[in-house]
């Protein structure tokens, strides 16, 4: 995973935040590489494995509702 992060951020273009679970594949070296390119790593809390899915569902619903509203208001 660390090598994939290095490959994905070759040109210095990276996101600001990265949310991931507490799997062993995200080791200490992963956090060091992420911090080196300016990515703030946020871990999903223990005991809440669906926290990321719930957040993605909410953001998707919010995006969908905002798009639908702007299409309806813009077309009138």
PDB file of N, CA and C in Angstrom:
ATOM      1  N   UNK A   1       0.820  -1.183   0.000  1.00  0.00           N
ATOM      2  CA  UNK A   1       0.000   0.000   0.000  1.00  0.00           C
ATOM      3  C   UNK A   1       0.871   1.257   0.000  1.00  0.00           C
ATOM      4  N   UNK A   2       1.986   1.195   0.681  1.00  0.00           N
ATOM      5  CA  UNK A   2       2.864   2.351   0.719  1.00  0.00           C
ATOM      6  C   UNK A   2       3.400   2.675  -0.671  1.00  0.00           C
ATOM      7  N   UNK A   3       3.784   1.651  -1.416  1.00  0.00           N
ATOM      8  CA  UNK A   3       4.295   1.862  -2.773  1.00  0.00           C
ATOM      9  C   UNK A   3       3.200   2.412  -3.683  1.00  0.00           C
ATOM     10  N   UNK A   4       1.981   1.947  -3.515  1.00  0.00           N
ATOM     11  CA  UNK A   4       0.882   2.466  -4.321  1.00  0.00           C
ATOM     12  C   UNK A   4       0.631   3.940  -4.023  1.00  0.00           C
ATOM     13  N   UNK A   5       0.774   4.327  -2.757  1.00  0.00           N
ATOM     14  CA  UNK A   5       0.624   5.737  -2.406  1.00  0.00           C
ATOM     15  C   UNK A   5       1.734   6.565  -3.031  1.00  0.00           C
ATOM     16  N   UNK A   6       2.958   6.046  -3.010  1.00  0.00           N
ATOM     17  CA  UNK A   6       4.071   6.758  -3.658  1.00  0.00           C
ATOM     18  C   UNK A   6       3.807   6.931  -5.145  1.00  0.00           C
ATOM     19  N   UNK A   7       3.347   5.864  -5.794  1.00  0.00           N
ATOM     20  CA  UNK A   7       3.079   5.923  -7.229  1.00  0.00           C
ATOM     21  C   UNK A   7       1.946   6.896  -7.551  1.00  0.00           C
ATOM     22  N   UNK A   8       0.954   6.968  -6.697  1.00  0.00           N
ATOM     23  CA  UNK A   8      -0.204   7.829  -6.946  1.00  0.00           C
ATOM     24  C   UNK A   8       0.107   9.296  -6.724  1.00  0.00           C
ATOM     25  N   UNK A   9       1.165   9.599  -5.975  1.00  0.00           N
ATOM     26  CA  UNK A   9       1.490  10.993  -5.658  1.00  0.00           C
ATOM     27  C   UNK A   9       2.845  11.403  -6.229  1.00  0.00           C
ATOM     28  N   UNK A  10       3.194  10.866  -7.387  1.00  0.00           N
ATOM     29  CA  UNK A  10       4.494  11.156  -7.991  1.00  0.00           C
ATOM     30  C   UNK A  10       4.703  12.626  -8.298  1.00  0.00           C
ATOM     31  N   UNK A  11       3.697  13.293  -8.756  1.00  0.00           N
ATOM     32  CA  UNK A  11       3.846  14.661  -9.230  1.00  0.00           C
ATOM     33  C   UNK A  11       3.427  15.690  -8.188  1.00  0.00           C
ATOM     34  N   UNK A  12       3.318  15.276  -6.937  1.00  0.00           N
ATOM     35  CA  UNK A  12       2.972  16.192  -5.858  1.00  0.00           C
ATOM     36  C   UNK A  12       1.505  16.556  -5.781  1.00  0.00           C
ATOM     37  N   UNK A  13       0.687  15.939  -6.606  1.00  0.00           N
ATOM     38  CA  UNK A  13      -0.744  16.209  -6.574  1.00  0.00           C
ATOM     39  C   UNK A  13      -1.415  15.141  -5.737  1.00  0.00           C
ATOM     40  N   UNK A  14      -1.955  15.547  -4.626  1.00  0.00           N
ATOM     41  CA  UNK A  14      -2.589  14.593  -3.725  1.00  0.00           C
ATOM     42  C   UNK A  14      -3.824  15.226  -3.095  1.00  0.00           C
ATOM     43  N   UNK A  15      -4.670  14.401  -2.551  1.00  0.00           N
ATOM     44  CA  UNK A  15      -5.826  14.896  -1.816  1.00  0.00           C
ATOM     45  C   UNK A  15      -5.364  15.422  -0.465  1.00  0.00           C
ATOM     46  N   UNK A  16      -6.247  16.069   0.230  1.00  0.00           N
ATOM     47  CA  UNK A  16      -5.887  16.616   1.531  1.00  0.00           C
ATOM     48  C   UNK A  16      -6.130  15.615   2.652  1.00  0.00           C
ATOM     49  N   UNK A  17      -7.107  14.731   2.465  1.00  0.00           N
ATOM     50  CA  UNK A  17      -7.478  13.783   3.502  1.00  0.00           C
ATOM     51  C   UNK A  17      -7.570  12.376   2.927  1.00  0.00           C
ATOM     52  N   UNK A  18      -7.270  11.394   3.746  1.00  0.00           N
ATOM     53  CA  UNK A  18      -7.402   9.991   3.365  1.00  0.00           C
ATOM     54  C   UNK A  18      -8.026   9.250   4.528  1.00  0.00           C
ATOM     55  N   UNK A  19      -9.159   8.621   4.286  1.00  0.00           N
ATOM     56  CA  UNK A  19      -9.850   7.856   5.322  1.00  0.00           C
ATOM     57  C   UNK A  19      -9.614   6.386   5.035  1.00  0.00           C
ATOM     58  N   UNK A  20      -9.128   5.655   6.038  1.00  0.00           N
ATOM     59  CA  UNK A  20      -8.954   4.218   5.877  1.00  0.00           C
ATOM     60  C   UNK A  20      -9.188   3.497   7.188  1.00  0.00           C
ATOM     61  N   UNK A  21      -9.345   2.187   7.084  1.00  0.00           N
ATOM     62  CA  UNK A  21      -9.592   1.387   8.275  1.00  0.00           C
ATOM     63  C   UNK A  21      -8.277   1.081   8.991  1.00  0.00           C
ATOM     64  N   UNK A  22      -8.337   0.241   9.997  1.00  0.00           N
ATOM     65  CA  UNK A  22      -7.171  -0.066  10.821  1.00  0.00           C
ATOM     66  C   UNK A  22      -6.499  -1.370  10.395  1.00  0.00           C
ATOM     67  N   UNK A  23      -6.514  -1.665   9.121  1.00  0.00           N
ATOM     68  CA  UNK A  23      -5.895  -2.882   8.607  1.00  0.00           C
ATOM     69  C   UNK A  23      -4.371  -2.788   8.717  1.00  0.00           C
ATOM     70  N   UNK A  24      -3.723  -3.936   8.849  1.00  0.00           N
ATOM     71  CA  UNK A  24      -2.269  -3.978   8.981  1.00  0.00           C
ATOM     72  C   UNK A  24      -1.542  -3.523   7.716  1.00  0.00           C
ATOM     73  N   UNK A  25      -2.218  -3.565   6.575  1.00  0.00           N
ATOM     74  CA  UNK A  25      -1.553  -3.147   5.336  1.00  0.00           C
ATOM     75  C   UNK A  25      -1.262  -1.648   5.326  1.00  0.00           C
ATOM     76  N   UNK A  26      -1.928  -0.875   6.179  1.00  0.00           N
ATOM     77  CA  UNK A  26      -1.637   0.545   6.333  1.00  0.00           C
ATOM     78  C   UNK A  26      -0.720   0.690   7.547  1.00  0.00           C
ATOM     79  N   UNK A  27       0.545   0.455   7.362  1.00  0.00           N
ATOM     80  CA  UNK A  27       1.504   0.493   8.462  1.00  0.00           C
ATOM     81  C   UNK A  27       2.009   1.892   8.754  1.00  0.00           C
ATOM     82  N   UNK A  28       3.018   1.963   9.595  1.00  0.00           N
ATOM     83  CA  UNK A  28       3.601   3.250   9.981  1.00  0.00           C
ATOM     84  C   UNK A  28       4.264   3.937   8.786  1.00  0.00           C
ATOM     85  N   UNK A  29       4.868   3.145   7.901  1.00  0.00           N
ATOM     86  CA  UNK A  29       5.519   3.743   6.728  1.00  0.00           C
ATOM     87  C   UNK A  29       4.494   4.404   5.805  1.00  0.00           C
ATOM     88  N   UNK A  30       3.291   3.871   5.759  1.00  0.00           N
ATOM     89  CA  UNK A  30       2.220   4.464   4.960  1.00  0.00           C
ATOM     90  C   UNK A  30       1.894   5.862   5.483  1.00  0.00           C
ATOM     91  N   UNK A  31       1.785   5.978   6.801  1.00  0.00           N
ATOM     92  CA  UNK A  31       1.476   7.273   7.402  1.00  0.00           C
ATOM     93  C   UNK A  31       2.601   8.276   7.173  1.00  0.00           C
ATOM     94  N   UNK A  32       3.846   7.801   7.198  1.00  0.00           N
ATOM     95  CA  UNK A  32       4.991   8.689   6.971  1.00  0.00           C
ATOM     96  C   UNK A  32       4.974   9.219   5.544  1.00  0.00           C
ATOM     97  N   UNK A  33       4.733   8.352   4.575  1.00  0.00           N
ATOM     98  CA  UNK A  33       4.676   8.778   3.168  1.00  0.00           C
ATOM     99  C   UNK A  33       3.503   9.735   2.958  1.00  0.00           C
ATOM    100  N   UNK A  34       2.363   9.436   3.555  1.00  0.00           N
ATOM    101  CA  UNK A  34       1.200  10.313   3.419  1.00  0.00           C
ATOM    102  C   UNK A  34       1.484  11.691   3.997  1.00  0.00           C
ATOM    103  N   UNK A  35       2.101  11.741   5.161  1.00  0.00           N
ATOM    104  CA  UNK A  35       2.428  13.026   5.778  1.00  0.00           C
ATOM    105  C   UNK A  35       3.451  13.788   4.930  1.00  0.00           C
ATOM    106  N   UNK A  36       4.340  13.060   4.272  1.00  0.00           N
ATOM    107  CA  UNK A  36       5.354  13.689   3.439  1.00  0.00           C
ATOM    108  C   UNK A  36       4.794  14.415   2.231  1.00  0.00           C
ATOM    109  N   UNK A  37       3.662  13.971   1.728  1.00  0.00           N
ATOM    110  CA  UNK A  37       3.045  14.635   0.573  1.00  0.00           C
ATOM    111  C   UNK A  37       1.877  15.528   0.984  1.00  0.00           C
ATOM    112  N   UNK A  38       1.688  15.688   2.292  1.00  0.00           N
ATOM    113  CA  UNK A  38       0.658  16.611   2.780  1.00  0.00           C
ATOM    114  C   UNK A  38      -0.716  16.022   2.932  1.00  0.00           C
ATOM    115  N   UNK A  39      -0.830  14.719   3.069  1.00  0.00           N
ATOM    116  CA  UNK A  39      -2.125  14.070   3.250  1.00  0.00           C
ATOM    117  C   UNK A  39      -2.353  13.826   4.734  1.00  0.00           C
ATOM    118  N   UNK A  40      -3.505  14.259   5.233  1.00  0.00           N
ATOM    119  CA  UNK A  40      -3.868  13.984   6.617  1.00  0.00           C
ATOM    120  C   UNK A  40      -4.628  12.659   6.656  1.00  0.00           C
ATOM    121  N   UNK A  41      -4.095  11.698   7.387  1.00  0.00           N
ATOM    122  CA  UNK A  41      -4.687  10.362   7.468  1.00  0.00           C
ATOM    123  C   UNK A  41      -5.686  10.321   8.611  1.00  0.00           C
ATOM    124  N   UNK A  42      -6.896   9.863   8.302  1.00  0.00           N
ATOM    125  CA  UNK A  42      -7.927   9.682   9.321  1.00  0.00           C
ATOM    126  C   UNK A  42      -8.317   8.215   9.336  1.00  0.00           C
ATOM    127  N   UNK A  43      -8.284   7.631  10.488  1.00  0.00           N
ATOM    128  CA  UNK A  43      -8.637   6.218  10.627  1.00  0.00           C
ATOM    129  C   UNK A  43     -10.077   6.072  11.094  1.00  0.00           C
ATOM    130  N   UNK A  44     -10.748   5.068  10.570  1.00  0.00           N
ATOM    131  CA  UNK A  44     -12.099   4.751  11.004  1.00  0.00           C
ATOM    132  C   UNK A  44     -12.019   4.190  12.416  1.00  0.00           C
ATOM    133  N   UNK A  45     -12.887   4.625  13.322  1.00  0.00           N
ATOM    134  CA  UNK A  45     -12.833   4.130  14.703  1.00  0.00           C
ATOM    135  C   UNK A  45     -13.066   2.622  14.784  1.00  0.00           C
ATOM    136  N   UNK A  46     -12.448   2.006  15.772  1.00  0.00           N
ATOM    137  CA  UNK A  46     -12.681   0.586  16.011  1.00  0.00           C
ATOM    138  C   UNK A  46     -14.141   0.366  16.384  1.00  0.00           C
ATOM    139  N   UNK A  47     -14.683  -0.749  15.962  1.00  0.00           N
ATOM    140  CA  UNK A  47     -16.061  -1.095  16.307  1.00  0.00           C
ATOM    141  C   UNK A  47     -17.110  -0.440  15.431  1.00  0.00           C
ATOM    142  N   UNK A  48     -16.708   0.383  14.486  1.00  0.00           N
ATOM    143  CA  UNK A  48     -17.657   1.028  13.576  1.00  0.00           C
ATOM    144  C   UNK A  48     -17.181   0.785  12.145  1.00  0.00           C
ATOM    145  N   UNK A  49     -17.267  -0.453  11.675  1.00  0.00           N
ATOM    146  CA  UNK A  49     -16.728  -0.760  10.345  1.00  0.00           C
ATOM    147  C   UNK A  49     -17.496  -0.118   9.203  1.00  0.00           C
ATOM    148  N   UNK A  50     -18.716   0.326   9.446  1.00  0.00           N
ATOM    149  CA  UNK A  50     -19.501   0.915   8.363  1.00  0.00           C
ATOM    150  C   UNK A  50     -19.475   2.434   8.370  1.00  0.00           C
ATOM    151  N   UNK A  51     -18.600   3.032   9.168  1.00  0.00           N
ATOM    152  CA  UNK A  51     -18.564   4.493   9.256  1.00  0.00           C
ATOM    153  C   UNK A  51     -18.263   5.121   7.898  1.00  0.00           C
ATOM    154  N   UNK A  52     -17.334   4.570   7.154  1.00  0.00           N
ATOM    155  CA  UNK A  52     -16.982   5.122   5.853  1.00  0.00           C
ATOM    156  C   UNK A  52     -18.147   4.969   4.876  1.00  0.00           C
ATOM    157  N   UNK A  53     -18.790   3.823   4.888  1.00  0.00           N
ATOM    158  CA  UNK A  53     -19.913   3.597   3.980  1.00  0.00           C
ATOM    159  C   UNK A  53     -21.065   4.546   4.285  1.00  0.00           C
ATOM    160  N   UNK A  54     -21.337   4.786   5.562  1.00  0.00           N
ATOM    161  CA  UNK A  54     -22.413   5.707   5.930  1.00  0.00           C
ATOM    162  C   UNK A  54     -22.091   7.123   5.490  1.00  0.00           C
ATOM    163  N   UNK A  55     -20.847   7.540   5.642  1.00  0.00           N
ATOM    164  CA  UNK A  55     -20.439   8.876   5.221  1.00  0.00           C
ATOM    165  C   UNK A  55     -20.544   9.008   3.702  1.00  0.00           C
ATOM    166  N   UNK A  56     -20.094   8.001   2.969  1.00  0.00           N
ATOM    167  CA  UNK A  56     -20.176   8.051   1.513  1.00  0.00           C
ATOM    168  C   UNK A  56     -21.625   8.087   1.042  1.00  0.00           C
ATOM    169  N   UNK A  57     -22.497   7.348   1.713  1.00  0.00           N
ATOM    170  CA  UNK A  57     -23.913   7.334   1.354  1.00  0.00           C
ATOM    171  C   UNK A  57     -24.535   8.710   1.579  1.00  0.00           C
ATOM    172  N   UNK A  58     -24.213   9.325   2.716  1.00  0.00           N
ATOM    173  CA  UNK A  58     -24.739  10.662   3.013  1.00  0.00           C
ATOM    174  C   UNK A  58     -24.251  11.681   1.991  1.00  0.00           C
ATOM    175  N   UNK A  59     -22.948  11.663   1.684  1.00  0.00           N
ATOM    176  CA  UNK A  59     -22.397  12.623   0.724  1.00  0.00           C
ATOM    177  C   UNK A  59     -22.984  12.402  -0.671  1.00  0.00           C
ATOM    178  N   UNK A  60     -23.199  11.136  -1.048  1.00  0.00           N
ATOM    179  CA  UNK A  60     -23.815  10.843  -2.339  1.00  0.00           C
ATOM    180  C   UNK A  60     -25.244  11.359  -2.411  1.00  0.00           C
ATOM    181  N   UNK A  61     -25.996  11.163  -1.334  1.00  0.00           N
ATOM    182  CA  UNK A  61     -27.372  11.656  -1.287  1.00  0.00           C
ATOM    183  C   UNK A  61     -27.408  13.176  -1.338  1.00  0.00           C
ATOM    184  N   UNK A  62     -26.506  13.806  -0.605  1.00  0.00           N
ATOM    185  CA  UNK A  62     -26.433  15.262  -0.592  1.00  0.00           C
ATOM    186  C   UNK A  62     -26.101  15.796  -1.980  1.00  0.00           C
ATOM    187  N   UNK A  63     -25.132  15.176  -2.638  1.00  0.00           N
ATOM    188  CA  UNK A  63     -24.738  15.594  -3.981  1.00  0.00           C
ATOM    189  C   UNK A  63     -25.900  15.424  -4.964  1.00  0.00           C
ATOM    190  N   UNK A  64     -26.610  14.302  -4.855  1.00  0.00           N
ATOM    191  CA  UNK A  64     -27.729  14.021  -5.746  1.00  0.00           C
ATOM    192  C   UNK A  64     -28.850  15.040  -5.546  1.00  0.00           C
ATOM    193  N   UNK A  65     -29.174  15.336  -4.297  1.00  0.00           N
ATOM    194  CA  UNK A  65     -30.249  16.283  -4.017  1.00  0.00           C
ATOM    195  C   UNK A  65     -29.884  17.694  -4.484  1.00  0.00           C
ATOM    196  N   UNK A  66     -28.636  18.091  -4.284  1.00  0.00           N
ATOM    197  CA  UNK A  66     -28.213  19.429  -4.728  1.00  0.00           C
ATOM    198  C   UNK A  66     -28.242  19.529  -6.252  1.00  0.00           C
ATOM    199  N   UNK A  67     -27.812  18.469  -6.930  1.00  0.00           N
ATOM    200  CA  UNK A  67     -27.843  18.476  -8.396  1.00  0.00           C
ATOM    201  C   UNK A  67     -29.265  18.517  -8.908  1.00  0.00           C
ATOM    202  N   UNK A  68     -30.162  17.741  -8.295  1.00  0.00           N
ATOM    203  CA  UNK A  68     -31.562  17.713  -8.736  1.00  0.00           C
ATOM    204  C   UNK A  68     -32.210  19.082  -8.520  1.00  0.00           C
ATOM    205  N   UNK A  69     -31.920  19.689  -7.384  1.00  0.00           N
ATOM    206  CA  UNK A  69     -32.503  20.989  -7.092  1.00  0.00           C
ATOM    207  C   UNK A  69     -32.004  22.061  -8.056  1.00  0.00           C
ATOM    208  N   UNK A  70     -30.701  22.045  -8.356  1.00  0.00           N
ATOM    209  CA  UNK A  70     -30.159  23.067  -9.260  1.00  0.00           C
ATOM    210  C   UNK A  70     -30.680  22.866 -10.690  1.00  0.00           C
ATOM    211  N   UNK A  71     -30.906  21.617 -11.091  1.00  0.00           N
ATOM    212  CA  UNK A  71     -31.471  21.380 -12.425  1.00  0.00           C
ATOM    213  C   UNK A  71     -32.899  21.871 -12.514  1.00  0.00           C
ATOM    214  N   UNK A  72     -33.676  21.653 -11.441  1.00  0.00           N
ATOM    215  CA  UNK A  72     -35.074  22.083 -11.459  1.00  0.00           C
ATOM    216  C   UNK A  72     -35.185  23.608 -11.418  1.00  0.00           C
ATOM    217  N   UNK A  73     -34.362  24.239 -10.603  1.00  0.00           N
ATOM    218  CA  UNK A  73     -34.433  25.695 -10.492  1.00  0.00           C
ATOM    219  C   UNK A  73     -33.826  26.384 -11.701  1.00  0.00           C
ATOM    220  N   UNK A  74     -32.793  25.793 -12.289  1.00  0.00           N
ATOM    221  CA  UNK A  74     -32.118  26.409 -13.430  1.00  0.00           C
ATOM    222  C   UNK A  74     -32.938  26.324 -14.708  1.00  0.00           C
ATOM    223  N   UNK A  75     -33.791  25.308 -14.812  1.00  0.00           N
ATOM    224  CA  UNK A  75     -34.562  25.120 -16.031  1.00  0.00           C
ATOM    225  C   UNK A  75     -35.819  25.979 -16.093  1.00  0.00           C
ATOM    226  N   UNK A  76     -36.214  26.575 -14.976  1.00  0.00           N
ATOM    227  CA  UNK A  76     -37.458  27.334 -14.942  1.00  0.00           C
ATOM    228  C   UNK A  76     -37.294  28.760 -15.384  1.00  0.00           C
TER     229      UNK A  76
END
